[in-house]
Amino acid sequence: MVLLSLVASHHELDLAVLERLSSDTHAVGHEIVGAASSISGAVVLATCNRFELYLDVDDAAHTPAARAAAAATVAARSGYDPAAVAAHLHAMTDTDAAEHLFAVASGLESMVVGEREIAGQVRRALTAARRDGTTTSDLESLFQAASRVSRSVEAATGLGSAGRSVVGVALDIAEQNLPAWADVRCVLIGTGSYAGASLAALKSRGVGEVRVYSPSGRARAFATARGVRAVPAGADLADELAGVDLVVACSGAAGAVLGVDALAEARVGTSQPLTVVDLALRHDVDPGVRELPGVRLVSLHTVAQHAPAEHAAVVAARAIVQDASYAYEAERRVREWNPAVVAERTRVLGGLEAALQELPADLRDERSERSLRRRTRAALHAPTVRAREASRAGDTAAYATALADLAAIAIPAVQPA
């Protein structure tokens, strides 16, 4: 098995490119597994600032074909040329892929270093793969390890404990143009997990009034469950913005929910400042609204320019991530290489037990049999330990020698008492 990750993120690509790559992510994993027989599993991690594929490939020799199949599948969904998709997706394998995912889950690759939301997004990516039937035991192990590493990083460094998030940084930026939080009137667009995180951040700051608008009509249930009001179903969003100080948009709908012309018309006759925070990758709000008088737009690009990071904590976190990735890869090799060791041990010990069982009861001696079992296990012990240590170290030559030593051990001859 080879772990292959294909990664595109805000570090290298414009968010508009990431938006297109992330089209129909719910179908991509299943289609990738069906695209090549060498790919037995896939987990898709798509967030507001990254698009990543984690693939379980059967052999290192098949990774180029697997990469091409994945790029072709994403291209068909995004409308990009397959060659362009392949160029956008940076490939990593095994230890490098594990280290990258561990860093992502720990918030080290986020716009806001140490953000909290990403750990949950990593868990949900695995849950989605389970639902779609595209996960494997190796991918399960990898993503569960990533969650453990994320918790270890937070416990050891404090990253994430301050509650930093994309939402938090966006609201810090927005605060400069708002009245006191208790006086802020806000409309929240969206009802998904990101909208829930946004509402929690708004409440923690003491926002006086929050109303929820949903393009899909789910605002009432979402708002009722969280103790806020919903914009009535079917209402025109622009009409609901009269007297509003802040709009936080994170619905992820296909296309802008609030356009320039609609907002311009809604603001006729008012000079009240309006701050719009658009956290949706696909732009819930037309970016052109920033040109309207009195309107300030805070986007993911704005967040990226203002995101903080603490150098010492990040250095310590990366050391934890690197150590964890090496340990994970070592244990993965042990699991992958161990069956041959087990087979040799089973051959010898199983053969011994079979031979002992064939002896007539009146010719068996319990003390002699215990001694024979003890000597046999002692003979197997040293090469078994050497094989597993070589597996952990990735030393193929030492592993082969230890395995050959195990294969050379004959089934002990059983003599009647």
Protein backbone atom coordinates (compact mmCIF):
# COMPACT_ATOMS: atom_id res chain seq x y z
CA MET A 1 0.00 0.00 0.00
CA VAL A 2 1.12 3.54 -0.77
CA LEU A 3 -0.48 6.61 0.77
CA LEU A 4 -0.78 9.27 -1.94
CA SER A 5 -1.98 12.79 -1.16
CA LEU A 6 -2.78 15.39 -3.81
CA VAL A 7 -2.90 18.87 -2.32
CA ALA A 8 -4.00 22.33 -3.45
CA SER A 9 -4.20 25.15 -0.92
CA HIS A 10 -4.30 28.89 -0.39
CA HIS A 11 -0.49 28.87 -0.08
CA GLU A 12 -0.07 28.34 -3.82
CA LEU A 13 -3.41 29.02 -5.50
CA ASP A 14 -5.97 31.77 -5.73
CA LEU A 15 -9.19 31.02 -3.85
CA ALA A 16 -11.12 31.19 -7.12
CA VAL A 17 -9.09 28.23 -8.41
CA LEU A 18 -9.72 26.30 -5.18
CA GLU A 19 -13.42 27.03 -5.57
CA ARG A 20 -13.52 25.35 -8.97
CA LEU A 21 -11.41 22.41 -7.87
CA SER A 22 -13.83 21.84 -4.98
CA SER A 23 -16.88 21.50 -7.23
CA ASP A 24 -19.12 18.56 -6.26
CA THR A 25 -16.71 17.21 -3.66
CA HIS A 26 -19.40 14.83 -2.40
CA ALA A 27 -19.07 12.79 -5.62
CA VAL A 28 -15.34 13.05 -6.28
CA GLY A 29 -14.11 10.42 -3.81
CA HIS A 30 -16.43 7.69 -5.09
CA GLU A 31 -15.60 8.51 -8.71
CA ILE A 32 -11.84 8.46 -8.06
CA VAL A 33 -12.04 4.99 -6.48
CA GLY A 34 -13.91 3.81 -9.56
CA ALA A 35 -11.49 5.50 -11.95
CA ALA A 36 -8.51 3.17 -11.40
CA SER A 37 -8.27 -0.38 -10.08
CA SER A 38 -5.08 0.57 -8.21
CA ILE A 39 -7.02 3.02 -5.99
CA SER A 40 -8.82 1.18 -3.19
CA GLY A 41 -9.81 4.20 -1.11
CA ALA A 42 -10.13 7.98 -1.10
CA VAL A 43 -10.85 10.71 1.44
CA VAL A 44 -11.59 14.23 0.18
CA LEU A 45 -10.76 17.20 2.41
CA ALA A 46 -12.26 20.40 1.01
CA THR A 47 -12.44 23.59 3.09
CA CYS A 48 -12.57 27.30 2.40
CA ASN A 49 -8.82 27.38 1.70
CA ARG A 50 -7.78 23.90 0.57
CA PHE A 51 -8.69 20.96 -1.63
CA GLU A 52 -6.91 17.72 -0.78
CA LEU A 53 -7.24 14.09 -1.82
CA TYR A 54 -5.87 11.19 0.22
CA LEU A 55 -5.69 7.97 -1.77
CA ASP A 56 -4.89 4.36 -0.84
CA VAL A 57 -2.90 3.03 -3.82
CA ASP A 58 -1.91 -0.62 -4.07
CA ASP A 59 1.69 -0.17 -5.27
CA ALA A 60 4.28 2.60 -5.69
CA ALA A 61 4.56 1.76 -9.39
CA HIS A 62 0.89 2.71 -9.84
CA THR A 63 1.05 6.16 -8.23
CA PRO A 64 1.55 8.06 -11.53
CA ALA A 65 -1.52 6.39 -13.02
CA ALA A 66 -3.51 6.98 -9.84
CA ARG A 67 -2.53 10.63 -9.85
CA ALA A 68 -3.59 10.98 -13.50
CA ALA A 69 -6.92 9.25 -12.82
CA ALA A 70 -7.63 11.53 -9.88
CA ALA A 71 -6.75 14.64 -11.90
CA ALA A 72 -9.03 13.55 -14.73
CA THR A 73 -11.91 12.98 -12.30
CA VAL A 74 -11.48 16.40 -10.68
CA ALA A 75 -11.14 18.00 -14.11
CA ALA A 76 -14.46 16.52 -15.24
CA ARG A 77 -16.16 18.07 -12.20
CA SER A 78 -14.39 21.42 -12.20
CA GLY A 79 -14.24 22.17 -15.91
CA TYR A 80 -10.47 22.54 -15.85
CA ASP A 81 -8.18 20.75 -18.28
CA PRO A 82 -6.76 17.54 -16.70
CA ALA A 83 -3.20 18.79 -17.24
CA ALA A 84 -4.04 22.01 -15.38
CA VAL A 85 -5.56 20.05 -12.48
CA ALA A 86 -2.50 17.79 -12.31
CA ALA A 87 -0.30 20.89 -12.15
CA HIS A 88 -2.40 22.38 -9.34
CA LEU A 89 -2.35 19.21 -7.19
CA HIS A 90 0.97 18.79 -5.39
CA ALA A 91 1.71 15.09 -4.80
CA MET A 92 3.14 13.61 -1.60
CA THR A 93 3.49 10.00 -0.49
CA ASP A 94 3.75 8.04 2.75
CA THR A 95 5.65 9.93 5.51
CA ASP A 96 5.41 13.28 3.70
CA ALA A 97 1.68 12.82 3.13
CA ALA A 98 1.10 11.85 6.75
CA GLU A 99 3.14 14.79 8.03
CA HIS A 100 1.17 17.18 5.84
CA LEU A 101 -2.21 15.88 7.04
CA PHE A 102 -1.07 16.02 10.66
CA ALA A 103 0.01 19.65 10.13
CA VAL A 104 -3.31 20.48 8.46
CA ALA A 105 -5.33 18.89 11.26
CA SER A 106 -3.27 20.86 13.81
CA GLY A 107 -4.06 24.16 12.06
CA LEU A 108 -0.48 24.74 10.94
CA GLU A 109 -1.40 25.09 7.27
CA SER A 110 -4.44 27.31 7.77
CA MET A 111 -4.88 30.97 6.95
CA VAL A 112 -5.15 31.49 10.70
CA VAL A 113 -2.43 29.32 12.21
CA GLY A 114 -3.86 27.19 15.00
CA GLU A 115 -7.48 27.63 13.96
CA ARG A 116 -9.95 25.28 15.65
CA GLU A 117 -12.37 24.50 12.81
CA ILE A 118 -9.97 22.45 10.71
CA ALA A 119 -9.75 19.57 13.19
CA GLY A 120 -13.50 19.09 12.88
CA GLN A 121 -13.32 19.34 9.11
CA VAL A 122 -10.70 16.57 9.04
CA ARG A 123 -12.98 14.35 11.14
CA ARG A 124 -15.96 15.11 8.91
CA ALA A 125 -13.94 14.26 5.78
CA LEU A 126 -13.36 10.77 7.17
CA THR A 127 -17.02 10.47 8.15
CA ALA A 128 -18.05 11.40 4.61
CA ALA A 129 -15.69 8.79 3.17
CA ARG A 130 -17.22 6.16 5.46
CA ARG A 131 -20.69 7.16 4.33
CA ASP A 132 -19.64 6.95 0.67
CA GLY A 133 -17.86 3.63 1.18
CA THR A 134 -14.48 4.96 0.01
CA THR A 135 -12.40 4.67 3.16
CA THR A 136 -9.97 1.82 3.91
CA SER A 137 -8.34 0.56 7.09
CA ASP A 138 -5.14 2.46 6.23
CA LEU A 139 -6.99 5.72 5.56
CA GLU A 140 -9.01 5.22 8.76
CA SER A 141 -5.74 4.79 10.67
CA LEU A 142 -4.21 7.87 9.05
CA PHE A 143 -7.12 10.23 9.76
CA GLN A 144 -7.62 8.96 13.29
CA ALA A 145 -3.91 9.53 13.92
CA ALA A 146 -4.27 13.08 12.52
CA SER A 147 -6.99 13.83 15.08
CA ARG A 148 -4.79 12.51 17.90
CA VAL A 149 -1.84 14.61 16.73
CA SER A 150 -4.08 17.69 16.57
CA ARG A 151 -5.06 17.20 20.22
CA SER A 152 -1.42 16.63 21.19
CA VAL A 153 -0.33 19.84 19.48
CA GLU A 154 -3.00 21.91 21.22
CA ALA A 155 -2.20 20.38 24.61
CA ALA A 156 1.55 20.90 24.25
CA THR A 157 1.66 24.32 22.55
CA GLY A 158 -1.63 26.05 23.28
CA LEU A 159 -2.29 26.61 19.57
CA GLY A 160 -6.04 26.81 19.16
CA SER A 161 -6.70 27.38 22.86
CA ALA A 162 -7.13 31.10 22.31
CA GLY A 163 -10.09 30.37 20.07
CA ARG A 164 -8.48 31.70 16.93
CA SER A 165 -10.34 30.94 13.76
CA VAL A 166 -11.05 32.36 10.33
CA VAL A 167 -14.32 33.65 11.77
CA GLY A 168 -12.55 35.19 14.75
CA VAL A 169 -9.97 37.03 12.67
CA ALA A 170 -12.69 38.22 10.26
CA LEU A 171 -14.72 39.64 13.15
CA ASP A 172 -11.62 41.29 14.61
CA ILE A 173 -11.14 43.07 11.28
CA ALA A 174 -14.84 43.93 11.00
CA GLU A 175 -14.90 45.36 14.54
CA GLN A 176 -12.96 48.43 13.42
CA ASN A 177 -16.02 49.71 11.52
CA LEU A 178 -18.79 48.59 13.86
CA PRO A 179 -20.54 50.11 16.87
CA ALA A 180 -20.13 48.36 20.23
CA TRP A 181 -20.89 44.67 19.83
CA ALA A 182 -23.94 44.93 22.09
CA ASP A 183 -25.42 47.44 19.64
CA VAL A 184 -24.62 45.49 16.47
CA ARG A 185 -27.51 44.23 14.38
CA CYS A 186 -26.44 41.31 12.23
CA VAL A 187 -27.81 39.05 9.51
CA LEU A 188 -26.15 35.65 9.27
CA ILE A 189 -26.40 33.91 5.89
CA GLY A 190 -26.21 30.12 6.10
CA THR A 191 -27.16 27.22 8.35
CA GLY A 192 -24.24 24.79 8.03
CA SER A 193 -21.46 23.94 10.47
CA TYR A 194 -19.55 27.10 9.54
CA ALA A 195 -22.64 29.19 10.20
CA GLY A 196 -22.91 27.53 13.61
CA ALA A 197 -19.30 28.46 14.39
CA SER A 198 -19.94 32.02 13.18
CA LEU A 199 -23.03 32.38 15.35
CA ALA A 200 -21.11 31.11 18.38
CA ALA A 201 -18.38 33.68 17.71
CA LEU A 202 -20.94 36.47 17.37
CA LYS A 203 -22.65 35.46 20.62
CA SER A 204 -19.33 35.28 22.46
CA ARG A 205 -18.75 38.92 21.55
CA GLY A 206 -22.17 39.90 22.84
CA VAL A 207 -23.81 40.85 19.54
CA GLY A 208 -27.17 42.39 20.32
CA GLU A 209 -29.26 41.00 17.46
CA VAL A 210 -28.69 38.16 15.01
CA ARG A 211 -31.18 37.06 12.37
CA VAL A 212 -30.55 34.04 10.18
CA TYR A 213 -31.21 33.89 6.45
CA SER A 214 -31.02 30.64 4.50
CA PRO A 215 -31.10 30.40 0.68
CA SER A 216 -32.26 26.80 1.14
CA GLY A 217 -35.10 27.57 3.55
CA ARG A 218 -33.57 26.00 6.68
CA ALA A 219 -33.24 29.23 8.69
CA ARG A 220 -36.18 28.66 11.05
CA ALA A 221 -35.00 25.30 12.43
CA PHE A 222 -31.40 26.51 12.72
CA ALA A 223 -32.37 29.76 14.46
CA THR A 224 -34.89 28.18 16.84
CA ALA A 225 -32.37 25.60 18.01
CA ARG A 226 -29.87 28.39 18.82
CA GLY A 227 -32.13 30.99 20.38
CA VAL A 228 -32.06 33.59 17.59
CA ARG A 229 -34.57 34.78 15.01
CA ALA A 230 -34.92 33.69 11.42
CA VAL A 231 -35.58 35.83 8.39
CA PRO A 232 -38.98 34.62 7.12
CA ALA A 233 -38.82 32.02 4.35
CA GLY A 234 -39.19 33.60 0.94
CA ALA A 235 -38.19 37.08 2.12
CA ASP A 236 -35.93 39.16 -0.09
CA LEU A 237 -32.50 39.28 1.55
CA ALA A 238 -31.69 42.82 0.39
CA ASP A 239 -34.95 44.10 1.92
CA GLU A 240 -33.95 42.56 5.26
CA LEU A 241 -30.74 44.59 5.47
CA ALA A 242 -32.34 47.91 6.40
CA GLY A 243 -30.76 49.12 9.65
CA VAL A 244 -28.27 46.23 9.73
CA ASP A 245 -24.65 46.91 10.74
CA LEU A 246 -23.11 43.54 9.86
CA VAL A 247 -23.68 40.71 7.40
CA VAL A 248 -21.81 37.42 7.95
CA ALA A 249 -22.16 35.12 4.94
CA CYS A 250 -21.09 31.48 4.93
CA SER A 251 -23.77 29.45 3.18
CA GLY A 252 -21.64 27.92 0.42
CA ALA A 253 -24.51 28.28 -2.03
CA ALA A 254 -23.78 27.98 -5.73
CA GLY A 255 -23.51 31.59 -6.83
CA ALA A 256 -23.84 34.90 -5.01
CA VAL A 257 -26.77 35.20 -2.61
CA LEU A 258 -26.38 38.98 -2.40
CA GLY A 259 -25.56 40.92 -5.56
CA VAL A 260 -24.29 44.45 -6.14
CA ASP A 261 -27.47 45.84 -7.70
CA ALA A 262 -29.74 44.39 -5.01
CA LEU A 263 -27.61 45.79 -2.20
CA ALA A 264 -27.24 49.17 -3.92
CA GLU A 265 -31.03 49.42 -4.26
CA ALA A 266 -31.53 48.42 -0.64
CA ARG A 267 -29.16 51.16 0.50
CA VAL A 268 -30.79 53.99 -1.39
CA GLY A 269 -31.45 56.84 1.03
CA THR A 270 -29.19 55.55 3.84
CA SER A 271 -25.68 56.48 4.85
CA GLN A 272 -25.43 53.89 7.64
CA PRO A 273 -22.15 51.97 7.32
CA LEU A 274 -22.46 48.27 6.52
CA THR A 275 -19.73 45.69 7.04
CA VAL A 276 -20.04 42.48 5.03
CA VAL A 277 -18.01 39.43 6.07
CA ASP A 278 -18.03 36.83 3.28
CA LEU A 279 -16.46 33.56 4.43
CA ALA A 280 -17.86 31.40 1.63
CA LEU A 281 -15.37 29.96 -0.81
CA ARG A 282 -17.85 30.43 -3.64
CA HIS A 283 -18.66 34.04 -2.62
CA ASP A 284 -22.08 34.39 -1.04
CA VAL A 285 -21.70 38.11 -1.70
CA ASP A 286 -20.64 39.60 -5.02
CA PRO A 287 -17.13 41.05 -4.44
CA GLY A 288 -18.26 44.16 -6.28
CA VAL A 289 -20.20 45.36 -3.22
CA ARG A 290 -16.95 46.76 -1.86
CA GLU A 291 -17.34 49.60 -4.40
CA LEU A 292 -20.67 50.72 -2.93
CA PRO A 293 -20.58 53.83 -0.69
CA GLY A 294 -20.53 52.98 3.00
CA VAL A 295 -19.96 49.24 2.45
CA ARG A 296 -16.84 47.45 3.66
CA LEU A 297 -16.19 43.88 2.52
CA VAL A 298 -14.09 41.48 4.60
CA SER A 299 -13.31 38.37 2.54
CA LEU A 300 -11.11 35.30 2.91
CA HIS A 301 -8.38 37.27 1.12
CA THR A 302 -8.63 39.93 3.80
CA VAL A 303 -8.36 37.30 6.52
CA ALA A 304 -5.27 35.80 4.91
CA GLN A 305 -3.55 39.20 4.95
CA HIS A 306 -4.24 39.70 8.68
CA ALA A 307 -3.85 36.16 10.05
CA PRO A 308 -1.60 36.00 13.14
CA ALA A 309 0.92 33.31 14.12
CA GLU A 310 3.17 32.82 17.15
CA HIS A 311 6.58 31.65 15.98
CA ALA A 312 7.73 29.67 19.05
CA ALA A 313 4.47 27.74 19.37
CA VAL A 314 4.44 26.96 15.66
CA VAL A 315 8.02 25.67 15.73
CA ALA A 316 7.19 23.41 18.68
CA ALA A 317 4.02 22.20 16.96
CA ARG A 318 5.87 21.34 13.77
CA ALA A 319 8.37 19.29 15.75
CA ILE A 320 5.50 17.31 17.29
CA VAL A 321 3.94 16.79 13.87
CA GLN A 322 7.20 15.61 12.32
CA ASP A 323 7.90 13.14 15.13
CA ALA A 324 4.34 11.83 14.92
CA SER A 325 4.56 11.34 11.16
CA TYR A 326 7.76 9.31 11.47
CA ALA A 327 6.22 7.19 14.25
CA TYR A 328 3.03 6.70 12.21
CA GLU A 329 4.93 5.60 9.14
CA ALA A 330 7.08 3.22 11.20
CA GLU A 331 4.01 1.56 12.69
CA ARG A 332 2.36 1.39 9.27
CA ARG A 333 5.39 -0.48 7.91
CA VAL A 334 5.26 -2.88 10.85
CA ARG A 335 1.60 -3.61 10.06
CA GLU A 336 2.34 -3.99 6.36
CA TRP A 337 5.45 -6.16 6.71
CA ASN A 338 4.35 -8.20 9.72
CA PRO A 339 2.15 -10.78 7.95
CA ALA A 340 5.23 -12.52 6.50
CA VAL A 341 6.75 -12.72 9.98
CA VAL A 342 3.51 -14.09 11.41
CA ALA A 343 3.32 -16.65 8.61
CA GLU A 344 6.79 -18.02 9.44
CA ARG A 345 6.04 -18.16 13.14
CA THR A 346 2.74 -19.91 12.43
CA ARG A 347 4.51 -22.42 10.19
CA VAL A 348 6.92 -23.40 12.98
CA LEU A 349 4.66 -23.18 16.03
CA GLY A 350 1.62 -24.53 14.24
CA GLY A 351 3.66 -27.39 12.83
CA LEU A 352 5.00 -28.20 16.29
CA GLU A 353 1.51 -28.29 17.82
CA ALA A 354 0.23 -30.48 15.00
CA ALA A 355 3.09 -32.91 15.51
CA LEU A 356 2.46 -33.02 19.25
CA GLN A 357 -1.23 -33.70 18.73
CA GLU A 358 -0.41 -36.70 16.56
CA LEU A 359 1.39 -38.47 19.41
CA PRO A 360 -0.66 -41.10 21.24
CA ALA A 361 -1.74 -39.92 24.69
CA ASP A 362 0.26 -42.60 26.46
CA LEU A 363 3.48 -41.43 24.77
CA ARG A 364 3.15 -37.73 25.61
CA ASP A 365 5.09 -36.03 28.41
CA GLU A 366 3.79 -32.62 29.49
CA ARG A 367 7.09 -31.42 30.93
CA SER A 368 9.04 -32.33 27.78
CA GLU A 369 6.44 -30.66 25.57
CA ARG A 370 6.61 -27.41 27.59
CA SER A 371 10.37 -27.46 27.30
CA LEU A 372 10.17 -28.03 23.53
CA ARG A 373 7.70 -25.16 23.09
CA ARG A 374 9.93 -22.87 25.17
CA ARG A 375 13.04 -23.71 23.11
CA THR A 376 11.14 -23.20 19.86
CA ARG A 377 9.80 -19.80 20.89
CA ALA A 378 13.30 -18.81 22.02
CA ALA A 379 14.68 -19.72 18.58
CA LEU A 380 11.97 -17.61 16.90
CA HIS A 381 12.34 -14.62 19.21
CA ALA A 382 15.56 -12.99 17.99
CA PRO A 383 14.81 -13.00 14.23
CA THR A 384 11.22 -11.88 14.95
CA VAL A 385 12.47 -8.87 16.93
CA ARG A 386 15.03 -8.06 14.24
CA ALA A 387 12.37 -8.26 11.51
CA ARG A 388 10.03 -5.91 13.35
CA GLU A 389 12.80 -3.44 14.21
CA ALA A 390 13.84 -3.45 10.55
CA SER A 391 10.20 -2.84 9.57
CA ARG A 392 9.99 0.11 11.92
CA ALA A 393 13.22 1.56 10.52
CA GLY A 394 12.32 0.85 6.90
CA ASP A 395 15.49 -1.23 6.48
CA THR A 396 14.51 -3.66 3.73
CA ALA A 397 17.85 -5.49 3.69
CA ALA A 398 17.82 -6.18 7.44
CA TYR A 399 14.17 -7.22 7.21
CA ALA A 400 14.90 -9.66 4.40
CA THR A 401 17.79 -11.20 6.38
CA ALA A 402 15.65 -11.60 9.51
CA LEU A 403 12.82 -13.12 7.49
CA ALA A 404 15.25 -15.56 5.87
CA ASP A 405 16.48 -16.56 9.32
CA LEU A 406 12.89 -17.26 10.36
CA ALA A 407 12.31 -19.30 7.20
CA ALA A 408 15.41 -21.38 7.98
CA ILE A 409 14.03 -22.53 11.33
CA ALA A 410 12.72 -26.06 10.92
CA ILE A 411 9.74 -27.53 12.74
CA PRO A 412 11.28 -29.33 15.74
CA ALA A 413 11.27 -33.08 15.62
CA VAL A 414 8.91 -34.59 18.19
CA GLN A 415 10.11 -37.71 19.99
CA PRO A 416 7.79 -39.93 22.01
CA ALA A 417 8.43 -39.92 25.79
